[in-house]
Amino acid sequence: MALDFLRRDCSIMNDFFSKKNLRVLTIQETYEFVTDFSIKDEENHLASIFENVVNLRDEDQDKLAQVDDEVFKQMYIPRNIHELSIEDIYRM
């Protein structure tokens, strides 16, 4: 449930900054940045992500990112290990 709230918060935050005409990460990129425990140097990692956003995304990619965000917002997030399939567990 907490991850659902985090996903919603990422969405709200992105909407807020988008309305200020600022370039933002996708909701999924924001969510993954916040939940990735393997990141050691947050500033450099975030700088490289934003560099990709600014340099690589054009209008078509922004539209695709919006569609991807809508899909991500609707995705099911398992709440405990019992809700995962065996294939999911082995992929971890």
PDB file of N, CA and C in Angstrom:
ATOM      1  N   MET A   1       0.814  -1.190   0.000  1.00  0.00           N
ATOM      2  CA  MET A   1       0.000   0.000   0.000  1.00  0.00           C
ATOM      3  C   MET A   1       0.868   1.268   0.000  1.00  0.00           C
ATOM      4  N   ALA A   2       1.967   1.199   0.727  1.00  0.00           N
ATOM      5  CA  ALA A   2       2.851   2.366   0.782  1.00  0.00           C
ATOM      6  C   ALA A   2       3.423   2.679  -0.600  1.00  0.00           C
ATOM      7  N   LEU A   3       3.730   1.628  -1.374  1.00  0.00           N
ATOM      8  CA  LEU A   3       4.277   1.862  -2.709  1.00  0.00           C
ATOM      9  C   LEU A   3       3.230   2.465  -3.640  1.00  0.00           C
ATOM     10  N   ASP A   4       1.964   2.138  -3.417  1.00  0.00           N
ATOM     11  CA  ASP A   4       0.889   2.777  -4.185  1.00  0.00           C
ATOM     12  C   ASP A   4       0.832   4.273  -3.875  1.00  0.00           C
ATOM     13  N   PHE A   5       0.978   4.606  -2.595  1.00  0.00           N
ATOM     14  CA  PHE A   5       0.986   6.022  -2.211  1.00  0.00           C
ATOM     15  C   PHE A   5       2.208   6.736  -2.783  1.00  0.00           C
ATOM     16  N   LEU A   6       3.352   6.061  -2.778  1.00  0.00           N
ATOM     17  CA  LEU A   6       4.560   6.657  -3.351  1.00  0.00           C
ATOM     18  C   LEU A   6       4.372   6.923  -4.838  1.00  0.00           C
ATOM     19  N   ARG A   7       3.806   5.960  -5.535  1.00  0.00           N
ATOM     20  CA  ARG A   7       3.550   6.134  -6.970  1.00  0.00           C
ATOM     21  C   ARG A   7       2.619   7.323  -7.190  1.00  0.00           C
ATOM     22  N   ARG A   8       1.590   7.443  -6.362  1.00  0.00           N
ATOM     23  CA  ARG A   8       0.665   8.579  -6.470  1.00  0.00           C
ATOM     24  C   ARG A   8       1.386   9.897  -6.180  1.00  0.00           C
ATOM     25  N   ASP A   9       2.239   9.910  -5.164  1.00  0.00           N
ATOM     26  CA  ASP A   9       3.005  11.120  -4.839  1.00  0.00           C
ATOM     27  C   ASP A   9       3.935  11.516  -5.984  1.00  0.00           C
ATOM     28  N   CYS A  10       4.560  10.533  -6.622  1.00  0.00           N
ATOM     29  CA  CYS A  10       5.422  10.818  -7.777  1.00  0.00           C
ATOM     30  C   CYS A  10       4.606  11.456  -8.896  1.00  0.00           C
ATOM     31  N   SER A  11       3.408  10.956  -9.083  1.00  0.00           N
ATOM     32  CA  SER A  11       2.525  11.502 -10.116  1.00  0.00           C
ATOM     33  C   SER A  11       2.139  12.949  -9.802  1.00  0.00           C
ATOM     34  N   ILE A  12       1.772  13.197  -8.569  1.00  0.00           N
ATOM     35  CA  ILE A  12       1.378  14.554  -8.152  1.00  0.00           C
ATOM     36  C   ILE A  12       2.547  15.518  -8.297  1.00  0.00           C
ATOM     37  N   MET A  13       3.732  15.069  -7.890  1.00  0.00           N
ATOM     38  CA  MET A  13       4.915  15.914  -7.991  1.00  0.00           C
ATOM     39  C   MET A  13       5.239  16.242  -9.450  1.00  0.00           C
ATOM     40  N   ASN A  14       5.171  15.239 -10.318  1.00  0.00           N
ATOM     41  CA  ASN A  14       5.446  15.479 -11.729  1.00  0.00           C
ATOM     42  C   ASN A  14       4.413  16.417 -12.344  1.00  0.00           C
ATOM     43  N   ASP A  15       3.138  16.246 -11.985  1.00  0.00           N
ATOM     44  CA  ASP A  15       2.094  17.145 -12.488  1.00  0.00           C
ATOM     45  C   ASP A  15       2.360  18.588 -12.062  1.00  0.00           C
ATOM     46  N   PHE A  16       2.763  18.763 -10.816  1.00  0.00           N
ATOM     47  CA  PHE A  16       3.033  20.101 -10.291  1.00  0.00           C
ATOM     48  C   PHE A  16       4.131  20.791 -11.101  1.00  0.00           C
ATOM     49  N   PHE A  17       5.257  20.104 -11.294  1.00  0.00           N
ATOM     50  CA  PHE A  17       6.373  20.724 -12.007  1.00  0.00           C
ATOM     51  C   PHE A  17       6.106  20.846 -13.504  1.00  0.00           C
ATOM     52  N   SER A  18       5.323  19.932 -14.046  1.00  0.00           N
ATOM     53  CA  SER A  18       4.957  20.041 -15.464  1.00  0.00           C
ATOM     54  C   SER A  18       4.116  21.286 -15.711  1.00  0.00           C
ATOM     55  N   LYS A  19       3.238  21.608 -14.778  1.00  0.00           N
ATOM     56  CA  LYS A  19       2.397  22.807 -14.916  1.00  0.00           C
ATOM     57  C   LYS A  19       3.221  24.086 -14.843  1.00  0.00           C
ATOM     58  N   LYS A  20       4.418  23.992 -14.275  1.00  0.00           N
ATOM     59  CA  LYS A  20       5.343  25.135 -14.221  1.00  0.00           C
ATOM     60  C   LYS A  20       6.228  25.174 -15.463  1.00  0.00           C
ATOM     61  N   ASN A  21       5.877  24.341 -16.476  1.00  0.00           N
ATOM     62  CA  ASN A  21       6.616  24.237 -17.737  1.00  0.00           C
ATOM     63  C   ASN A  21       8.060  23.797 -17.548  1.00  0.00           C
ATOM     64  N   LEU A  22       8.286  22.908 -16.588  1.00  0.00           N
ATOM     65  CA  LEU A  22       9.604  22.344 -16.363  1.00  0.00           C
ATOM     66  C   LEU A  22       9.632  20.921 -16.905  1.00  0.00           C
ATOM     67  N   ARG A  23      10.784  20.502 -17.402  1.00  0.00           N
ATOM     68  CA  ARG A  23      10.941  19.122 -17.859  1.00  0.00           C
ATOM     69  C   ARG A  23      11.037  18.229 -16.636  1.00  0.00           C
ATOM     70  N   VAL A  24      10.322  17.139 -16.656  1.00  0.00           N
ATOM     71  CA  VAL A  24      10.318  16.220 -15.521  1.00  0.00           C
ATOM     72  C   VAL A  24      10.620  14.804 -15.989  1.00  0.00           C
ATOM     73  N   LEU A  25      11.034  13.984 -15.044  1.00  0.00           N
ATOM     74  CA  LEU A  25      11.181  12.566 -15.318  1.00  0.00           C
ATOM     75  C   LEU A  25       9.794  11.960 -15.496  1.00  0.00           C
ATOM     76  N   THR A  26       9.745  10.778 -16.070  1.00  0.00           N
ATOM     77  CA  THR A  26       8.465  10.086 -16.090  1.00  0.00           C
ATOM     78  C   THR A  26       8.157   9.662 -14.657  1.00  0.00           C
ATOM     79  N   ILE A  27       6.922   9.319 -14.422  1.00  0.00           N
ATOM     80  CA  ILE A  27       6.537   8.875 -13.087  1.00  0.00           C
ATOM     81  C   ILE A  27       7.327   7.625 -12.716  1.00  0.00           C
ATOM     82  N   GLN A  28       7.493   6.735 -13.668  1.00  0.00           N
ATOM     83  CA  GLN A  28       8.234   5.511 -13.393  1.00  0.00           C
ATOM     84  C   GLN A  28       9.704   5.801 -13.100  1.00  0.00           C
ATOM     85  N   GLU A  29      10.319   6.724 -13.826  1.00  0.00           N
ATOM     86  CA  GLU A  29      11.714   7.083 -13.551  1.00  0.00           C
ATOM     87  C   GLU A  29      11.858   7.691 -12.163  1.00  0.00           C
ATOM     88  N   THR A  30      10.917   8.537 -11.787  1.00  0.00           N
ATOM     89  CA  THR A  30      10.944   9.142 -10.450  1.00  0.00           C
ATOM     90  C   THR A  30      10.797   8.065  -9.388  1.00  0.00           C
ATOM     91  N   TYR A  31       9.830   7.179  -9.583  1.00  0.00           N
ATOM     92  CA  TYR A  31       9.567   6.092  -8.646  1.00  0.00           C
ATOM     93  C   TYR A  31      10.789   5.189  -8.507  1.00  0.00           C
ATOM     94  N   GLU A  32      11.398   4.823  -9.623  1.00  0.00           N
ATOM     95  CA  GLU A  32      12.567   3.949  -9.581  1.00  0.00           C
ATOM     96  C   GLU A  32      13.758   4.635  -8.921  1.00  0.00           C
ATOM     97  N   PHE A  33      13.909   5.942  -9.136  1.00  0.00           N
ATOM     98  CA  PHE A  33      14.994   6.672  -8.487  1.00  0.00           C
ATOM     99  C   PHE A  33      14.820   6.645  -6.971  1.00  0.00           C
ATOM    100  N   VAL A  34      13.598   6.856  -6.516  1.00  0.00           N
ATOM    101  CA  VAL A  34      13.331   6.896  -5.079  1.00  0.00           C
ATOM    102  C   VAL A  34      13.490   5.521  -4.439  1.00  0.00           C
ATOM    103  N   THR A  35      13.133   4.465  -5.143  1.00  0.00           N
ATOM    104  CA  THR A  35      13.138   3.122  -4.547  1.00  0.00           C
ATOM    105  C   THR A  35      14.387   2.303  -4.843  1.00  0.00           C
ATOM    106  N   ASP A  36      15.336   2.832  -5.607  1.00  0.00           N
ATOM    107  CA  ASP A  36      16.535   2.070  -5.981  1.00  0.00           C
ATOM    108  C   ASP A  36      17.581   2.173  -4.874  1.00  0.00           C
ATOM    109  N   PHE A  37      17.805   1.058  -4.185  1.00  0.00           N
ATOM    110  CA  PHE A  37      18.775   1.035  -3.091  1.00  0.00           C
ATOM    111  C   PHE A  37      20.210   0.920  -3.581  1.00  0.00           C
ATOM    112  N   SER A  38      20.394   0.602  -4.852  1.00  0.00           N
ATOM    113  CA  SER A  38      21.749   0.407  -5.368  1.00  0.00           C
ATOM    114  C   SER A  38      22.446   1.714  -5.728  1.00  0.00           C
ATOM    115  N   ILE A  39      21.731   2.825  -5.733  1.00  0.00           N
ATOM    116  CA  ILE A  39      22.327   4.117  -6.084  1.00  0.00           C
ATOM    117  C   ILE A  39      23.191   4.591  -4.923  1.00  0.00           C
ATOM    118  N   LYS A  40      24.455   4.817  -5.206  1.00  0.00           N
ATOM    119  CA  LYS A  40      25.389   5.274  -4.164  1.00  0.00           C
ATOM    120  C   LYS A  40      25.582   6.792  -4.192  1.00  0.00           C
ATOM    121  N   ASP A  41      25.629   7.361  -5.381  1.00  0.00           N
ATOM    122  CA  ASP A  41      25.865   8.791  -5.528  1.00  0.00           C
ATOM    123  C   ASP A  41      24.628   9.403  -6.189  1.00  0.00           C
ATOM    124  N   GLU A  42      23.683   9.866  -5.366  1.00  0.00           N
ATOM    125  CA  GLU A  42      22.405  10.341  -5.879  1.00  0.00           C
ATOM    126  C   GLU A  42      22.542  11.517  -6.838  1.00  0.00           C
ATOM    127  N   GLU A  43      23.424  12.443  -6.515  1.00  0.00           N
ATOM    128  CA  GLU A  43      23.545  13.648  -7.342  1.00  0.00           C
ATOM    129  C   GLU A  43      24.008  13.316  -8.761  1.00  0.00           C
ATOM    130  N   ASN A  44      25.040  12.498  -8.883  1.00  0.00           N
ATOM    131  CA  ASN A  44      25.539  12.147 -10.216  1.00  0.00           C
ATOM    132  C   ASN A  44      24.532  11.294 -10.975  1.00  0.00           C
ATOM    133  N   HIS A  45      23.884  10.383 -10.274  1.00  0.00           N
ATOM    134  CA  HIS A  45      22.890   9.528 -10.923  1.00  0.00           C
ATOM    135  C   HIS A  45      21.719  10.368 -11.436  1.00  0.00           C
ATOM    136  N   LEU A  46      21.228  11.253 -10.605  1.00  0.00           N
ATOM    137  CA  LEU A  46      20.113  12.110 -11.001  1.00  0.00           C
ATOM    138  C   LEU A  46      20.508  13.052 -12.124  1.00  0.00           C
ATOM    139  N   ALA A  47      21.733  13.564 -12.084  1.00  0.00           N
ATOM    140  CA  ALA A  47      22.209  14.449 -13.152  1.00  0.00           C
ATOM    141  C   ALA A  47      22.236  13.716 -14.484  1.00  0.00           C
ATOM    142  N   SER A  48      22.673  12.461 -14.484  1.00  0.00           N
ATOM    143  CA  SER A  48      22.716  11.707 -15.743  1.00  0.00           C
ATOM    144  C   SER A  48      21.305  11.411 -16.248  1.00  0.00           C
ATOM    145  N   ILE A  49      20.370  11.149 -15.349  1.00  0.00           N
ATOM    146  CA  ILE A  49      18.985  10.917 -15.766  1.00  0.00           C
ATOM    147  C   ILE A  49      18.418  12.178 -16.404  1.00  0.00           C
ATOM    148  N   PHE A  50      18.606  13.321 -15.752  1.00  0.00           N
ATOM    149  CA  PHE A  50      18.075  14.573 -16.293  1.00  0.00           C
ATOM    150  C   PHE A  50      18.755  14.962 -17.600  1.00  0.00           C
ATOM    151  N   GLU A  51      20.014  14.628 -17.732  1.00  0.00           N
ATOM    152  CA  GLU A  51      20.705  14.905 -18.989  1.00  0.00           C
ATOM    153  C   GLU A  51      20.031  14.139 -20.125  1.00  0.00           C
ATOM    154  N   ASN A  52      19.668  12.892 -19.864  1.00  0.00           N
ATOM    155  CA  ASN A  52      18.949  12.102 -20.863  1.00  0.00           C
ATOM    156  C   ASN A  52      17.588  12.698 -21.172  1.00  0.00           C
ATOM    157  N   VAL A  53      16.910  13.207 -20.171  1.00  0.00           N
ATOM    158  CA  VAL A  53      15.585  13.804 -20.376  1.00  0.00           C
ATOM    159  C   VAL A  53      15.694  15.033 -21.264  1.00  0.00           C
ATOM    160  N   VAL A  54      16.632  15.876 -20.975  1.00  0.00           N
ATOM    161  CA  VAL A  54      16.763  17.126 -21.713  1.00  0.00           C
ATOM    162  C   VAL A  54      17.280  16.882 -23.133  1.00  0.00           C
ATOM    163  N   ASN A  55      18.260  16.017 -23.273  1.00  0.00           N
ATOM    164  CA  ASN A  55      18.914  15.833 -24.568  1.00  0.00           C
ATOM    165  C   ASN A  55      18.201  14.870 -25.498  1.00  0.00           C
ATOM    166  N   LEU A  56      17.570  13.859 -24.971  1.00  0.00           N
ATOM    167  CA  LEU A  56      17.100  12.786 -25.824  1.00  0.00           C
ATOM    168  C   LEU A  56      15.603  12.806 -26.123  1.00  0.00           C
ATOM    169  N   ARG A  57      14.812  13.446 -25.311  1.00  0.00           N
ATOM    170  CA  ARG A  57      13.374  13.397 -25.533  1.00  0.00           C
ATOM    171  C   ARG A  57      12.921  14.521 -26.445  1.00  0.00           C
ATOM    172  N   ASP A  58      12.180  14.147 -27.454  1.00  0.00           N
ATOM    173  CA  ASP A  58      11.533  15.142 -28.287  1.00  0.00           C
ATOM    174  C   ASP A  58      10.025  15.052 -28.009  1.00  0.00           C
ATOM    175  N   GLU A  59       9.231  15.752 -28.784  1.00  0.00           N
ATOM    176  CA  GLU A  59       7.796  15.799 -28.512  1.00  0.00           C
ATOM    177  C   GLU A  59       7.143  14.431 -28.625  1.00  0.00           C
ATOM    178  N   ASP A  60       7.548  13.643 -29.635  1.00  0.00           N
ATOM    179  CA  ASP A  60       6.974  12.306 -29.789  1.00  0.00           C
ATOM    180  C   ASP A  60       7.316  11.413 -28.605  1.00  0.00           C
ATOM    181  N   GLN A  61       8.549  11.514 -28.143  1.00  0.00           N
ATOM    182  CA  GLN A  61       8.947  10.712 -26.996  1.00  0.00           C
ATOM    183  C   GLN A  61       8.223  11.167 -25.734  1.00  0.00           C
ATOM    184  N   ASP A  62       7.952  12.473 -25.617  1.00  0.00           N
ATOM    185  CA  ASP A  62       7.195  12.975 -24.478  1.00  0.00           C
ATOM    186  C   ASP A  62       5.773  12.419 -24.482  1.00  0.00           C
ATOM    187  N   LYS A  63       5.182  12.328 -25.673  1.00  0.00           N
ATOM    188  CA  LYS A  63       3.835  11.759 -25.759  1.00  0.00           C
ATOM    189  C   LYS A  63       3.847  10.283 -25.386  1.00  0.00           C
ATOM    190  N   LEU A  64       4.863   9.551 -25.844  1.00  0.00           N
ATOM    191  CA  LEU A  64       4.989   8.143 -25.472  1.00  0.00           C
ATOM    192  C   LEU A  64       5.225   7.999 -23.966  1.00  0.00           C
ATOM    193  N   ALA A  65       6.007   8.902 -23.397  1.00  0.00           N
ATOM    194  CA  ALA A  65       6.263   8.872 -21.958  1.00  0.00           C
ATOM    195  C   ALA A  65       4.973   9.105 -21.178  1.00  0.00           C
ATOM    196  N   GLN A  66       4.100   9.965 -21.692  1.00  0.00           N
ATOM    197  CA  GLN A  66       2.813  10.202 -21.024  1.00  0.00           C
ATOM    198  C   GLN A  66       1.962   8.935 -21.041  1.00  0.00           C
ATOM    199  N   VAL A  67       1.971   8.237 -22.160  1.00  0.00           N
ATOM    200  CA  VAL A  67       1.226   6.972 -22.246  1.00  0.00           C
ATOM    201  C   VAL A  67       1.826   5.955 -21.281  1.00  0.00           C
ATOM    202  N   ASP A  68       3.156   5.857 -21.264  1.00  0.00           N
ATOM    203  CA  ASP A  68       3.820   4.934 -20.346  1.00  0.00           C
ATOM    204  C   ASP A  68       3.498   5.268 -18.893  1.00  0.00           C
ATOM    205  N   ASP A  69       3.426   6.561 -18.576  1.00  0.00           N
ATOM    206  CA  ASP A  69       3.079   6.972 -17.219  1.00  0.00           C
ATOM    207  C   ASP A  69       1.675   6.513 -16.837  1.00  0.00           C
ATOM    208  N   GLU A  70       0.741   6.641 -17.766  1.00  0.00           N
ATOM    209  CA  GLU A  70      -0.628   6.206 -17.480  1.00  0.00           C
ATOM    210  C   GLU A  70      -0.680   4.699 -17.241  1.00  0.00           C
ATOM    211  N   VAL A  71       0.089   3.951 -18.011  1.00  0.00           N
ATOM    212  CA  VAL A  71       0.155   2.499 -17.803  1.00  0.00           C
ATOM    213  C   VAL A  71       0.784   2.201 -16.453  1.00  0.00           C
ATOM    214  N   PHE A  72       1.876   2.889 -16.125  1.00  0.00           N
ATOM    215  CA  PHE A  72       2.555   2.658 -14.848  1.00  0.00           C
ATOM    216  C   PHE A  72       1.640   2.975 -13.670  1.00  0.00           C
ATOM    217  N   LYS A  73       0.846   4.019 -13.792  1.00  0.00           N
ATOM    218  CA  LYS A  73      -0.060   4.377 -12.693  1.00  0.00           C
ATOM    219  C   LYS A  73      -1.096   3.292 -12.438  1.00  0.00           C
ATOM    220  N   GLN A  74      -1.424   2.507 -13.457  1.00  0.00           N
ATOM    221  CA  GLN A  74      -2.435   1.464 -13.310  1.00  0.00           C
ATOM    222  C   GLN A  74      -1.850   0.082 -12.995  1.00  0.00           C
ATOM    223  N   MET A  75      -0.523  -0.034 -13.060  1.00  0.00           N
ATOM    224  CA  MET A  75       0.118  -1.328 -12.831  1.00  0.00           C
ATOM    225  C   MET A  75      -0.098  -1.814 -11.411  1.00  0.00           C
ATOM    226  N   TYR A  76      -0.215  -3.125 -11.290  1.00  0.00           N
ATOM    227  CA  TYR A  76      -0.372  -3.740  -9.978  1.00  0.00           C
ATOM    228  C   TYR A  76       0.985  -3.860  -9.303  1.00  0.00           C
ATOM    229  N   ILE A  77       1.065  -3.457  -8.051  1.00  0.00           N
ATOM    230  CA  ILE A  77       2.287  -3.592  -7.262  1.00  0.00           C
ATOM    231  C   ILE A  77       2.013  -4.625  -6.177  1.00  0.00           C
ATOM    232  N   PRO A  78       2.734  -5.767  -6.199  1.00  0.00           N
ATOM    233  CA  PRO A  78       2.521  -6.784  -5.158  1.00  0.00           C
ATOM    234  C   PRO A  78       2.832  -6.219  -3.774  1.00  0.00           C
ATOM    235  N   ARG A  79       2.033  -6.609  -2.800  1.00  0.00           N
ATOM    236  CA  ARG A  79       2.202  -6.093  -1.447  1.00  0.00           C
ATOM    237  C   ARG A  79       3.036  -7.012  -0.554  1.00  0.00           C
ATOM    238  N   ASN A  80       3.120  -8.292  -0.914  1.00  0.00           N
ATOM    239  CA  ASN A  80       3.950  -9.211  -0.147  1.00  0.00           C
ATOM    240  C   ASN A  80       4.454 -10.318  -1.067  1.00  0.00           C
ATOM    241  N   ILE A  81       5.363 -11.126  -0.561  1.00  0.00           N
ATOM    242  CA  ILE A  81       5.999 -12.145  -1.402  1.00  0.00           C
ATOM    243  C   ILE A  81       5.009 -13.210  -1.863  1.00  0.00           C
ATOM    244  N   HIS A  82       3.944 -13.402  -1.127  1.00  0.00           N
ATOM    245  CA  HIS A  82       2.954 -14.411  -1.498  1.00  0.00           C
ATOM    246  C   HIS A  82       2.162 -14.019  -2.745  1.00  0.00           C
ATOM    247  N   GLU A  83       2.188 -12.769  -3.096  1.00  0.00           N
ATOM    248  CA  GLU A  83       1.481 -12.303  -4.278  1.00  0.00           C
ATOM    249  C   GLU A  83       2.327 -12.395  -5.541  1.00  0.00           C
ATOM    250  N   LEU A  84       3.583 -12.810  -5.403  1.00  0.00           N
ATOM    251  CA  LEU A  84       4.476 -12.961  -6.546  1.00  0.00           C
ATOM    252  C   LEU A  84       4.413 -14.387  -7.060  1.00  0.00           C
ATOM    253  N   SER A  85       4.632 -14.520  -8.357  1.00  0.00           N
ATOM    254  CA  SER A  85       4.732 -15.859  -8.927  1.00  0.00           C
ATOM    255  C   SER A  85       6.177 -16.348  -8.765  1.00  0.00           C
ATOM    256  N   ILE A  86       6.380 -17.618  -8.974  1.00  0.00           N
ATOM    257  CA  ILE A  86       7.724 -18.201  -8.892  1.00  0.00           C
ATOM    258  C   ILE A  86       8.668 -17.531  -9.892  1.00  0.00           C
ATOM    259  N   GLU A  87       8.172 -17.230 -11.104  1.00  0.00           N
ATOM    260  CA  GLU A  87       9.003 -16.588 -12.123  1.00  0.00           C
ATOM    261  C   GLU A  87       9.462 -15.213 -11.652  1.00  0.00           C
ATOM    262  N   ASP A  88       8.581 -14.461 -10.982  1.00  0.00           N
ATOM    263  CA  ASP A  88       8.937 -13.145 -10.476  1.00  0.00           C
ATOM    264  C   ASP A  88      10.036 -13.239  -9.432  1.00  0.00           C
ATOM    265  N   ILE A  89       9.935 -14.236  -8.572  1.00  0.00           N
ATOM    266  CA  ILE A  89      10.916 -14.393  -7.496  1.00  0.00           C
ATOM    267  C   ILE A  89      12.281 -14.720  -8.067  1.00  0.00           C
ATOM    268  N   TYR A  90      12.340 -15.582  -9.075  1.00  0.00           N
ATOM    269  CA  TYR A  90      13.631 -15.947  -9.668  1.00  0.00           C
ATOM    270  C   TYR A  90      14.232 -14.811 -10.469  1.00  0.00           C
ATOM    271  N   ARG A  91      13.407 -13.883 -10.982  1.00  0.00           N
ATOM    272  CA  ARG A  91      13.938 -12.733 -11.722  1.00  0.00           C
ATOM    273  C   ARG A  91      14.610 -11.744 -10.792  1.00  0.00           C
ATOM    274  N   MET A  92      14.275 -11.768  -9.514  1.00  0.00           N
ATOM    275  CA  MET A  92      14.857 -10.836  -8.549  1.00  0.00           C
ATOM    276  C   MET A  92      16.278 -11.220  -8.356  1.00  0.00           C
TER     277      MET A  92
END
